[in-house]
Amino acid sequence: MPTAKQQMEAKYAEAAERFARVLHAVERSSQARLNKLLQLLPSERIAHFADPLLTRADALRLTRSLRTDLSSRRHYRAPLAARVNAIFKRIQIGRLFSSTTLLFLTMASIYSFIAWHNTAHLAAIARPIDIPFVYPDGSTRKLRMGTDKPWQLLRIRGNHAALRLWFPGQGYQEIEVPSEIIIRP
């Protein structure tokens, strides 16, 4: 006659065997249910997220299959005209033409024109010329301008052209030369 301990061990072994059979049956039915759900359209699969017949692992596989199907689809892209229209609505294009903005753009244009107009342009001279130049210390020396390099032309008025020269330690100085020797670029 088996002892109480042996009887208990036999019952535990039988219960473990029944549990393993039930667990295996549950996994098989969950796998079969998952296979049926994977045949459905993604929009129909969403309703089965909380299906009690699926194990956690199979529910996770269902979720991953939906992510894969939905992320692999091509996203809808609106036509160009609709996208441009949406951008204009988003940035509120009417605000761009407020009086403050127009004033700012006008002032920026005026300052840009003045800066461009006062910027020297490069020009060449047709023949070498000696120019008497008065230095800031009061001394007068002759400045030889050759044809070998371009000069910075500020303006031409009548018979005179104004050139700008750089003198180290003194800065820019303007000199006037006859306009007939200037070769415009």
C-alpha atoms as a PDB file:
ATOM      1  CA  MET A   1       0.000   0.000   0.000  1.00  0.00           C
ATOM      2  CA  PRO A   2       1.400   3.329  -1.029  1.00  0.00           C
ATOM      3  CA  THR A   3       2.201   5.788   1.655  1.00  0.00           C
ATOM      4  CA  ALA A   4       0.448   9.135   1.996  1.00  0.00           C
ATOM      5  CA  LYS A   5       3.496  10.866   0.597  1.00  0.00           C
ATOM      6  CA  GLN A   6       3.529   8.649  -2.473  1.00  0.00           C
ATOM      7  CA  GLN A   7      -0.183   9.165  -3.004  1.00  0.00           C
ATOM      8  CA  MET A   8       0.311  12.935  -2.782  1.00  0.00           C
ATOM      9  CA  GLU A   9       3.217  12.822  -5.260  1.00  0.00           C
ATOM     10  CA  ALA A  10       1.129  10.756  -7.679  1.00  0.00           C
ATOM     11  CA  LYS A  11      -1.738  13.278  -7.492  1.00  0.00           C
ATOM     12  CA  TYR A  12       0.682  16.168  -8.098  1.00  0.00           C
ATOM     13  CA  ALA A  13       2.226  14.387 -11.086  1.00  0.00           C
ATOM     14  CA  GLU A  14      -1.237  13.690 -12.508  1.00  0.00           C
ATOM     15  CA  ALA A  15      -2.297  17.347 -11.985  1.00  0.00           C
ATOM     16  CA  ALA A  16       0.915  18.607 -13.644  1.00  0.00           C
ATOM     17  CA  GLU A  17       0.277  16.313 -16.600  1.00  0.00           C
ATOM     18  CA  ARG A  18      -3.343  17.518 -16.940  1.00  0.00           C
ATOM     19  CA  PHE A  19      -2.167  21.143 -16.638  1.00  0.00           C
ATOM     20  CA  ALA A  20       0.400  20.626 -19.410  1.00  0.00           C
ATOM     21  CA  ARG A  21      -2.278  19.050 -21.653  1.00  0.00           C
ATOM     22  CA  VAL A  22      -4.715  21.926 -20.996  1.00  0.00           C
ATOM     23  CA  LEU A  23      -1.958  24.518 -21.572  1.00  0.00           C
ATOM     24  CA  HIS A  24      -1.023  22.835 -24.835  1.00  0.00           C
ATOM     25  CA  ALA A  25      -4.695  22.776 -25.920  1.00  0.00           C
ATOM     26  CA  VAL A  26      -5.084  26.481 -25.053  1.00  0.00           C
ATOM     27  CA  GLU A  27      -1.954  27.372 -27.055  1.00  0.00           C
ATOM     28  CA  ARG A  28      -3.195  25.341 -30.046  1.00  0.00           C
ATOM     29  CA  SER A  29      -6.640  26.970 -29.992  1.00  0.00           C
ATOM     30  CA  SER A  30      -5.044  30.431 -29.580  1.00  0.00           C
ATOM     31  CA  GLN A  31      -2.729  29.756 -32.517  1.00  0.00           C
ATOM     32  CA  ALA A  32      -5.683  28.592 -34.635  1.00  0.00           C
ATOM     33  CA  ARG A  33      -7.665  31.711 -33.649  1.00  0.00           C
ATOM     34  CA  LEU A  34      -4.665  33.939 -34.496  1.00  0.00           C
ATOM     35  CA  ASN A  35      -4.314  32.308 -37.928  1.00  0.00           C
ATOM     36  CA  LYS A  36      -8.000  33.052 -38.640  1.00  0.00           C
ATOM     37  CA  LEU A  37      -7.619  36.675 -37.461  1.00  0.00           C
ATOM     38  CA  LEU A  38      -4.526  37.231 -39.598  1.00  0.00           C
ATOM     39  CA  GLN A  39      -6.645  36.436 -42.669  1.00  0.00           C
ATOM     40  CA  LEU A  40      -8.914  39.416 -41.913  1.00  0.00           C
ATOM     41  CA  LEU A  41      -8.400  42.958 -43.133  1.00  0.00           C
ATOM     42  CA  PRO A  42      -6.449  45.254 -40.770  1.00  0.00           C
ATOM     43  CA  SER A  43      -9.579  47.287 -40.037  1.00  0.00           C
ATOM     44  CA  GLU A  44     -11.367  44.084 -38.907  1.00  0.00           C
ATOM     45  CA  ARG A  45      -8.385  42.853 -36.872  1.00  0.00           C
ATOM     46  CA  ILE A  46      -8.439  45.961 -34.690  1.00  0.00           C
ATOM     47  CA  ALA A  47     -11.716  44.827 -33.102  1.00  0.00           C
ATOM     48  CA  HIS A  48     -10.004  41.654 -31.823  1.00  0.00           C
ATOM     49  CA  PHE A  49      -7.263  43.264 -29.733  1.00  0.00           C
ATOM     50  CA  ALA A  50      -8.895  42.152 -26.485  1.00  0.00           C
ATOM     51  CA  ASP A  51      -9.954  38.716 -27.715  1.00  0.00           C
ATOM     52  CA  PRO A  52     -10.042  36.453 -24.618  1.00  0.00           C
ATOM     53  CA  LEU A  53      -9.284  33.374 -26.733  1.00  0.00           C
ATOM     54  CA  LEU A  54      -5.763  34.651 -27.547  1.00  0.00           C
ATOM     55  CA  THR A  55      -2.759  34.146 -25.321  1.00  0.00           C
ATOM     56  CA  ARG A  56      -0.595  37.147 -24.536  1.00  0.00           C
ATOM     57  CA  ALA A  57       2.035  36.042 -27.032  1.00  0.00           C
ATOM     58  CA  ASP A  58      -0.559  35.634 -29.812  1.00  0.00           C
ATOM     59  CA  ALA A  59      -2.182  38.988 -28.953  1.00  0.00           C
ATOM     60  CA  LEU A  60       1.262  40.551 -29.284  1.00  0.00           C
ATOM     61  CA  ARG A  61       1.729  38.900 -32.694  1.00  0.00           C
ATOM     62  CA  LEU A  62      -1.662  40.292 -33.770  1.00  0.00           C
ATOM     63  CA  THR A  63      -0.602  43.796 -32.689  1.00  0.00           C
ATOM     64  CA  ARG A  64       2.709  43.511 -34.528  1.00  0.00           C
ATOM     65  CA  SER A  65       0.972  42.314 -37.694  1.00  0.00           C
ATOM     66  CA  LEU A  66      -1.280  45.392 -37.588  1.00  0.00           C
ATOM     67  CA  ARG A  67       1.701  47.710 -37.093  1.00  0.00           C
ATOM     68  CA  THR A  68       3.465  46.096 -40.035  1.00  0.00           C
ATOM     69  CA  ASP A  69       0.421  46.289 -42.315  1.00  0.00           C
ATOM     70  CA  LEU A  70      -0.456  49.864 -41.403  1.00  0.00           C
ATOM     71  CA  SER A  71       3.093  51.249 -41.544  1.00  0.00           C
ATOM     72  CA  SER A  72       3.879  49.654 -44.898  1.00  0.00           C
ATOM     73  CA  ARG A  73       0.966  51.362 -46.623  1.00  0.00           C
ATOM     74  CA  ARG A  74       1.687  54.390 -48.757  1.00  0.00           C
ATOM     75  CA  HIS A  75       0.509  57.575 -47.112  1.00  0.00           C
ATOM     76  CA  TYR A  76      -1.889  59.823 -48.951  1.00  0.00           C
ATOM     77  CA  ARG A  77      -0.281  62.985 -50.272  1.00  0.00           C
ATOM     78  CA  ALA A  78      -2.426  65.926 -51.229  1.00  0.00           C
ATOM     79  CA  PRO A  79      -1.943  67.647 -54.603  1.00  0.00           C
ATOM     80  CA  LEU A  80       0.597  70.454 -54.758  1.00  0.00           C
ATOM     81  CA  ALA A  81      -2.007  73.218 -54.995  1.00  0.00           C
ATOM     82  CA  ALA A  82      -3.734  71.988 -51.838  1.00  0.00           C
ATOM     83  CA  ARG A  83      -0.421  71.776 -49.952  1.00  0.00           C
ATOM     84  CA  VAL A  84       0.567  75.309 -51.002  1.00  0.00           C
ATOM     85  CA  ASN A  85      -2.867  76.590 -50.016  1.00  0.00           C
ATOM     86  CA  ALA A  86      -2.525  74.918 -46.616  1.00  0.00           C
ATOM     87  CA  ILE A  87       0.892  76.522 -46.106  1.00  0.00           C
ATOM     88  CA  PHE A  88      -0.524  79.968 -46.904  1.00  0.00           C
ATOM     89  CA  LYS A  89      -3.361  79.413 -44.463  1.00  0.00           C
ATOM     90  CA  ARG A  90      -0.945  78.202 -41.796  1.00  0.00           C
ATOM     91  CA  ILE A  91       1.393  81.202 -42.009  1.00  0.00           C
ATOM     92  CA  GLN A  92      -1.501  83.605 -42.497  1.00  0.00           C
ATOM     93  CA  ILE A  93      -0.229  85.335 -45.607  1.00  0.00           C
ATOM     94  CA  GLY A  94      -2.329  88.414 -44.859  1.00  0.00           C
ATOM     95  CA  ARG A  95      -0.053  89.217 -41.945  1.00  0.00           C
ATOM     96  CA  LEU A  96       2.889  89.469 -44.313  1.00  0.00           C
ATOM     97  CA  PHE A  97       1.377  92.547 -45.927  1.00  0.00           C
ATOM     98  CA  SER A  98       0.629  94.543 -42.805  1.00  0.00           C
ATOM     99  CA  SER A  99       1.609  98.216 -42.769  1.00  0.00           C
ATOM    100  CA  THR A 100       4.561  97.516 -40.458  1.00  0.00           C
ATOM    101  CA  THR A 101       5.917  94.843 -42.769  1.00  0.00           C
ATOM    102  CA  LEU A 102       5.522  97.041 -45.842  1.00  0.00           C
ATOM    103  CA  LEU A 103       7.275  99.923 -44.053  1.00  0.00           C
ATOM    104  CA  PHE A 104      10.125  97.602 -43.056  1.00  0.00           C
ATOM    105  CA  LEU A 105      10.510  96.288 -46.616  1.00  0.00           C
ATOM    106  CA  THR A 106      10.453  99.830 -48.040  1.00  0.00           C
ATOM    107  CA  MET A 107      13.126 101.055 -45.630  1.00  0.00           C
ATOM    108  CA  ALA A 108      15.272  97.983 -46.263  1.00  0.00           C
ATOM    109  CA  SER A 109      15.000  98.592 -50.022  1.00  0.00           C
ATOM    110  CA  ILE A 110      15.983 102.253 -49.664  1.00  0.00           C
ATOM    111  CA  TYR A 111      18.978 101.452 -47.460  1.00  0.00           C
ATOM    112  CA  SER A 112      20.058  98.664 -49.828  1.00  0.00           C
ATOM    113  CA  PHE A 113      19.881 101.022 -52.809  1.00  0.00           C
ATOM    114  CA  ILE A 114      21.921 103.686 -50.995  1.00  0.00           C
ATOM    115  CA  ALA A 115      24.534 101.129 -49.959  1.00  0.00           C
ATOM    116  CA  TRP A 116      24.756  99.741 -53.493  1.00  0.00           C
ATOM    117  CA  HIS A 117      24.972 103.228 -54.983  1.00  0.00           C
ATOM    118  CA  ASN A 118      27.801 104.237 -52.626  1.00  0.00           C
ATOM    119  CA  THR A 119      29.761 101.060 -53.217  1.00  0.00           C
ATOM    120  CA  ALA A 120      32.731 101.476 -55.497  1.00  0.00           C
ATOM    121  CA  HIS A 121      32.823  99.500 -58.713  1.00  0.00           C
ATOM    122  CA  LEU A 122      36.039  98.297 -60.285  1.00  0.00           C
ATOM    123  CA  ALA A 123      37.246 100.130 -63.368  1.00  0.00           C
ATOM    124  CA  ALA A 124      40.494 100.299 -65.326  1.00  0.00           C
ATOM    125  CA  ILE A 125      42.310 103.346 -66.645  1.00  0.00           C
ATOM    126  CA  ALA A 126      43.436 103.685 -70.261  1.00  0.00           C
ATOM    127  CA  ARG A 127      46.879 105.238 -69.631  1.00  0.00           C
ATOM    128  CA  PRO A 128      49.123 105.794 -66.621  1.00  0.00           C
ATOM    129  CA  ILE A 129      48.670 109.137 -64.899  1.00  0.00           C
ATOM    130  CA  ASP A 130      50.438 111.102 -62.170  1.00  0.00           C
ATOM    131  CA  ILE A 131      48.048 112.691 -59.693  1.00  0.00           C
ATOM    132  CA  PRO A 132      49.077 115.303 -57.138  1.00  0.00           C
ATOM    133  CA  PHE A 133      47.800 114.041 -53.803  1.00  0.00           C
ATOM    134  CA  VAL A 134      47.638 115.952 -50.536  1.00  0.00           C
ATOM    135  CA  TYR A 135      48.247 113.689 -47.553  1.00  0.00           C
ATOM    136  CA  PRO A 136      46.502 114.326 -44.219  1.00  0.00           C
ATOM    137  CA  ASP A 137      49.741 115.750 -42.769  1.00  0.00           C
ATOM    138  CA  GLY A 138      49.650 118.520 -45.435  1.00  0.00           C
ATOM    139  CA  SER A 139      52.426 117.242 -47.657  1.00  0.00           C
ATOM    140  CA  THR A 140      51.823 116.928 -51.407  1.00  0.00           C
ATOM    141  CA  ARG A 141      53.194 114.062 -53.405  1.00  0.00           C
ATOM    142  CA  LYS A 142      52.611 112.710 -56.864  1.00  0.00           C
ATOM    143  CA  LEU A 143      50.689 109.453 -57.008  1.00  0.00           C
ATOM    144  CA  ARG A 144      51.378 107.244 -60.018  1.00  0.00           C
ATOM    145  CA  MET A 145      48.305 105.303 -61.179  1.00  0.00           C
ATOM    146  CA  GLY A 146      49.146 102.519 -63.592  1.00  0.00           C
ATOM    147  CA  THR A 147      47.092 100.409 -65.975  1.00  0.00           C
ATOM    148  CA  ASP A 148      48.212  97.187 -64.324  1.00  0.00           C
ATOM    149  CA  LYS A 149      45.394  96.900 -61.771  1.00  0.00           C
ATOM    150  CA  PRO A 150      41.709  97.802 -61.387  1.00  0.00           C
ATOM    151  CA  TRP A 151      40.747 100.908 -59.410  1.00  0.00           C
ATOM    152  CA  GLN A 152      37.673 101.555 -57.295  1.00  0.00           C
ATOM    153  CA  LEU A 153      35.412 103.945 -59.208  1.00  0.00           C
ATOM    154  CA  LEU A 154      32.888 105.830 -57.079  1.00  0.00           C
ATOM    155  CA  ARG A 155      31.227 108.101 -59.633  1.00  0.00           C
ATOM    156  CA  ILE A 156      31.673 109.981 -62.875  1.00  0.00           C
ATOM    157  CA  ARG A 157      30.381 113.568 -63.083  1.00  0.00           C
ATOM    158  CA  GLY A 158      31.078 115.561 -66.194  1.00  0.00           C
ATOM    159  CA  ASN A 159      34.806 115.596 -66.963  1.00  0.00           C
ATOM    160  CA  HIS A 160      35.856 114.211 -63.576  1.00  0.00           C
ATOM    161  CA  ALA A 161      35.757 110.723 -62.111  1.00  0.00           C
ATOM    162  CA  ALA A 162      36.134 110.021 -58.400  1.00  0.00           C
ATOM    163  CA  LEU A 163      38.305 107.055 -57.438  1.00  0.00           C
ATOM    164  CA  ARG A 164      38.730 105.654 -53.956  1.00  0.00           C
ATOM    165  CA  LEU A 165      42.142 104.539 -52.684  1.00  0.00           C
ATOM    166  CA  TRP A 166      43.169 102.822 -49.475  1.00  0.00           C
ATOM    167  CA  PHE A 167      46.100 104.212 -47.522  1.00  0.00           C
ATOM    168  CA  PRO A 168      47.310 102.151 -44.562  1.00  0.00           C
ATOM    169  CA  GLY A 169      46.962 104.072 -41.314  1.00  0.00           C
ATOM    170  CA  GLN A 170      44.810 106.747 -42.979  1.00  0.00           C
ATOM    171  CA  GLY A 171      41.882 104.867 -44.478  1.00  0.00           C
ATOM    172  CA  TYR A 172      40.102 105.510 -47.761  1.00  0.00           C
ATOM    173  CA  GLN A 173      40.806 108.711 -49.666  1.00  0.00           C
ATOM    174  CA  GLU A 174      39.050 110.025 -52.755  1.00  0.00           C
ATOM    175  CA  ILE A 175      40.938 111.456 -55.718  1.00  0.00           C
ATOM    176  CA  GLU A 176      39.660 112.984 -58.923  1.00  0.00           C
ATOM    177  CA  VAL A 177      40.970 112.054 -62.352  1.00  0.00           C
ATOM    178  CA  PRO A 178      39.857 113.049 -65.852  1.00  0.00           C
ATOM    179  CA  SER A 179      36.881 110.920 -66.880  1.00  0.00           C
ATOM    180  CA  GLU A 180      38.238 110.267 -70.414  1.00  0.00           C
ATOM    181  CA  ILE A 181      40.912 107.887 -69.068  1.00  0.00           C
ATOM    182  CA  ILE A 182      38.376 105.607 -67.298  1.00  0.00           C
ATOM    183  CA  ILE A 183      37.514 102.347 -69.036  1.00  0.00           C
ATOM    184  CA  ARG A 184      34.160 101.178 -67.784  1.00  0.00           C
ATOM    185  CA  PRO A 185      33.781  97.472 -67.029  1.00  0.00           C
END
